[in-house]
Amino acid sequence: MPSKLLNPFGEDGAAWDSLVFGGVRFEGIVTITGTPWKKKHDHRRARGRNGARSVATGWDLGEWSLFLVAIEDKDIDALGELIDAVTRRDAQQDAAALAIEHPAIAVAGVTQVLLEEADTPEVDPKGKVTWTCKVREYRPPAARDVTRTPAPADQTTERYGTEVLEASSYRNRLPTPPSSDP
């Protein structure tokens, strides 16, 4: 099986020099740090025993910090477009996943992230603009096996439990038979 890690010094090394985030390509200086692989553990302590046991409960979501530095005019323009694209506030309440492409994140098999926090761009008097943000891995909800969608309960009969009795005439009702004969 071929490695997911691209050699930064080989033919595919140019991929390390650019970032595609939120549909915008940025080709300035890109530095990415983070922890894509964190195990989740449930530490359980049994009653009446000394010690505890640790139960692995899967992988936690990966987290990265992105440091983007733009020096040239075209990179500053691309950084402005990128910031606008990923920090746009929509009317929806739920967070929207953003597409991301960079070898440091792709090595973990991640193609979508959620923006957790972002700083304001810092302008250096020497002509460099720096922007920092933190992202978290996005995993879509697991698909559930559904064999049949349950039909809603019929609400026209016995809505409150007595509706059918009230709707029938009193003359046509027979008394209930006794439960036991003496």
Protein backbone atom coordinates (compact mmCIF):
# COMPACT_ATOMS: atom_id res chain seq x y z
CA MET A 1 0.00 0.00 0.00
CA PRO A 2 1.48 3.37 -0.97
CA SER A 3 2.13 5.95 1.72
CA LYS A 4 -0.24 8.90 2.13
CA LEU A 5 2.70 11.10 3.07
CA LEU A 6 4.01 13.09 0.11
CA ASN A 7 7.76 13.63 0.02
CA PRO A 8 8.30 17.39 0.45
CA PHE A 9 11.69 17.14 -1.29
CA GLY A 10 10.59 14.99 -4.25
CA GLU A 11 8.47 15.55 -7.34
CA ASP A 12 5.32 16.11 -5.26
CA GLY A 13 7.00 18.68 -2.99
CA ALA A 14 5.12 21.60 -4.53
CA ALA A 15 1.95 20.47 -2.74
CA TRP A 16 3.56 21.47 0.58
CA ASP A 17 3.89 25.08 -0.61
CA SER A 18 0.18 25.73 -1.08
CA LEU A 19 -3.07 25.29 0.81
CA VAL A 20 -6.60 25.02 -0.54
CA PHE A 21 -9.00 26.02 2.23
CA GLY A 22 -12.66 26.87 1.76
CA GLY A 23 -12.23 26.69 -2.02
CA VAL A 24 -9.45 29.32 -2.11
CA ARG A 25 -5.85 28.46 -3.06
CA PHE A 26 -3.17 30.17 -0.96
CA GLU A 27 0.45 29.93 -2.09
CA GLY A 28 2.30 31.97 0.51
CA ILE A 29 4.15 30.47 3.47
CA VAL A 30 2.05 27.68 5.05
CA THR A 31 2.92 26.15 8.42
CA ILE A 32 0.61 23.52 9.91
CA THR A 33 1.03 21.98 13.36
CA GLY A 34 -1.32 19.75 15.29
CA THR A 35 -2.32 16.34 16.54
CA PRO A 36 -4.36 14.34 14.04
CA TRP A 37 -4.20 11.09 16.02
CA LYS A 38 -5.44 11.13 19.62
CA LYS A 39 -6.86 8.03 21.29
CA LYS A 40 -9.91 8.40 23.48
CA HIS A 41 -9.83 6.40 26.71
CA ASP A 42 -12.47 5.74 29.31
CA HIS A 43 -10.81 5.24 32.68
CA ARG A 44 -13.05 2.99 34.73
CA ARG A 45 -12.63 2.23 38.40
CA ALA A 46 -14.29 -0.92 39.61
CA ARG A 47 -15.87 -1.00 43.07
CA GLY A 48 -13.96 -2.98 45.67
CA ARG A 49 -10.77 -3.14 43.62
CA ASN A 50 -7.49 -1.39 43.74
CA GLY A 51 -6.62 0.23 40.47
CA ALA A 52 -8.53 1.02 37.36
CA ARG A 53 -8.72 -0.16 33.83
CA SER A 54 -8.55 1.91 30.72
CA VAL A 55 -10.87 1.12 27.83
CA ALA A 56 -10.08 2.52 24.39
CA THR A 57 -13.14 4.16 22.87
CA GLY A 58 -11.84 5.07 19.42
CA TRP A 59 -10.09 8.06 17.94
CA ASP A 60 -10.74 11.64 18.96
CA LEU A 61 -11.06 14.39 16.34
CA GLY A 62 -7.80 15.78 14.99
CA GLU A 63 -6.89 19.42 15.65
CA TRP A 64 -4.51 21.66 13.75
CA SER A 65 -3.18 25.22 13.91
CA LEU A 66 -2.65 26.95 10.58
CA PHE A 67 -0.10 29.76 10.25
CA LEU A 68 -0.36 31.57 6.92
CA VAL A 69 2.13 34.27 5.90
CA ALA A 70 1.63 36.42 2.80
CA ILE A 71 4.45 38.60 1.47
CA GLU A 72 3.68 39.25 -2.19
CA ASP A 73 0.64 41.23 -3.35
CA LYS A 74 -1.05 38.22 -4.99
CA ASP A 75 -0.61 36.22 -1.77
CA ILE A 76 -2.09 39.04 0.33
CA ASP A 77 -5.10 39.16 -2.01
CA ALA A 78 -5.48 35.36 -1.81
CA LEU A 79 -5.23 35.53 2.01
CA GLY A 80 -8.01 38.13 2.07
CA GLU A 81 -10.23 35.91 -0.09
CA LEU A 82 -9.44 32.89 2.09
CA ILE A 83 -10.29 34.72 5.32
CA ASP A 84 -13.57 35.93 3.81
CA ALA A 85 -14.46 32.44 2.55
CA VAL A 86 -13.84 30.56 5.80
CA THR A 87 -15.14 33.14 8.30
CA ARG A 88 -18.36 33.99 6.47
CA ARG A 89 -21.23 33.94 8.94
CA ASP A 90 -24.28 32.22 7.53
CA ALA A 91 -27.75 32.38 9.00
CA GLN A 92 -27.64 28.70 9.94
CA GLN A 93 -26.89 27.64 13.47
CA ASP A 94 -24.89 24.49 12.70
CA ALA A 95 -21.29 24.81 11.65
CA ALA A 96 -20.53 24.11 8.02
CA ALA A 97 -17.60 21.87 7.11
CA LEU A 98 -14.91 23.45 4.95
CA ALA A 99 -12.92 21.57 2.32
CA ILE A 100 -9.16 21.59 2.92
CA GLU A 101 -6.22 20.26 0.90
CA HIS A 102 -2.70 20.07 2.29
CA PRO A 103 -0.35 17.07 2.68
CA ALA A 104 0.03 17.59 6.45
CA ILE A 105 -3.73 17.15 6.90
CA ALA A 106 -4.27 14.66 4.07
CA VAL A 107 -1.86 12.20 5.71
CA ALA A 108 -4.55 11.66 8.37
CA GLY A 109 -7.20 11.10 5.68
CA VAL A 110 -8.99 14.36 6.48
CA THR A 111 -10.61 16.36 3.68
CA GLN A 112 -13.05 18.54 5.67
CA VAL A 113 -12.57 20.61 8.83
CA LEU A 114 -14.50 22.97 11.06
CA LEU A 115 -13.08 26.39 11.87
CA GLU A 116 -12.77 26.59 15.67
CA GLU A 117 -11.18 30.01 16.08
CA ALA A 118 -9.35 32.60 14.01
CA ASP A 119 -7.21 35.59 14.88
CA THR A 120 -7.21 38.92 13.14
CA PRO A 121 -4.52 39.31 10.48
CA GLU A 122 -1.28 40.80 11.81
CA VAL A 123 0.53 43.26 9.57
CA ASP A 124 4.30 43.54 9.90
CA PRO A 125 5.80 46.94 8.95
CA LYS A 126 8.24 45.13 6.64
CA GLY A 127 5.35 44.06 4.37
CA LYS A 128 4.27 40.67 5.63
CA VAL A 129 0.73 39.70 6.68
CA THR A 130 0.25 36.76 9.09
CA TRP A 131 -3.01 34.97 9.89
CA THR A 132 -3.50 32.17 12.41
CA CYS A 133 -6.50 29.88 12.85
CA LYS A 134 -7.38 26.60 14.54
CA VAL A 135 -9.37 23.87 12.83
CA ARG A 136 -10.87 20.58 13.94
CA GLU A 137 -11.55 17.47 11.89
CA TYR A 138 -15.11 17.07 10.60
CA ARG A 139 -16.65 13.62 10.58
CA PRO A 140 -20.13 13.32 9.13
CA PRO A 141 -22.63 11.42 11.28
CA ALA A 142 -22.51 7.68 10.79
CA ALA A 143 -25.21 6.32 8.54
CA ARG A 144 -27.80 4.25 10.36
CA ASP A 145 -29.37 1.14 8.91
CA VAL A 146 -33.04 1.87 8.40
CA THR A 147 -35.12 -0.95 7.03
CA ARG A 148 -38.41 0.91 7.15
CA THR A 149 -39.46 4.35 8.16
CA PRO A 150 -42.12 4.01 10.84
CA ALA A 151 -45.49 5.46 9.91
CA PRO A 152 -46.96 8.02 12.26
CA ALA A 153 -49.76 6.85 14.54
CA ASP A 154 -53.27 7.30 13.25
CA GLN A 155 -54.54 10.43 14.97
CA THR A 156 -58.16 10.42 13.78
CA THR A 157 -59.33 7.60 16.07
CA GLU A 158 -59.16 7.99 19.81
CA ARG A 159 -57.21 11.18 19.92
CA TYR A 160 -57.68 11.60 23.64
CA GLY A 161 -58.88 8.12 24.43
CA THR A 162 -62.57 9.06 24.68
CA GLU A 163 -63.24 10.64 21.30
CA VAL A 164 -64.67 7.46 19.75
CA LEU A 165 -66.96 6.89 22.74
CA GLU A 166 -68.24 10.45 22.68
CA ALA A 167 -68.89 10.31 18.95
CA SER A 168 -71.09 7.19 19.11
CA SER A 169 -74.68 7.57 20.22
CA TYR A 170 -75.63 6.61 23.75
CA ARG A 171 -78.53 4.37 22.64
CA ASN A 172 -76.39 1.99 20.63
CA ARG A 173 -74.01 1.21 23.47
CA LEU A 174 -74.34 -2.13 25.16
CA PRO A 175 -73.24 -2.61 28.73
CA THR A 176 -70.02 -4.45 29.18
CA PRO A 177 -70.45 -8.11 30.08
CA PRO A 178 -69.42 -9.13 33.61
CA SER A 179 -65.95 -10.45 34.01
CA SER A 180 -67.02 -13.58 35.94
CA ASP A 181 -70.30 -15.40 36.58
CA PRO A 182 -71.27 -15.97 40.25
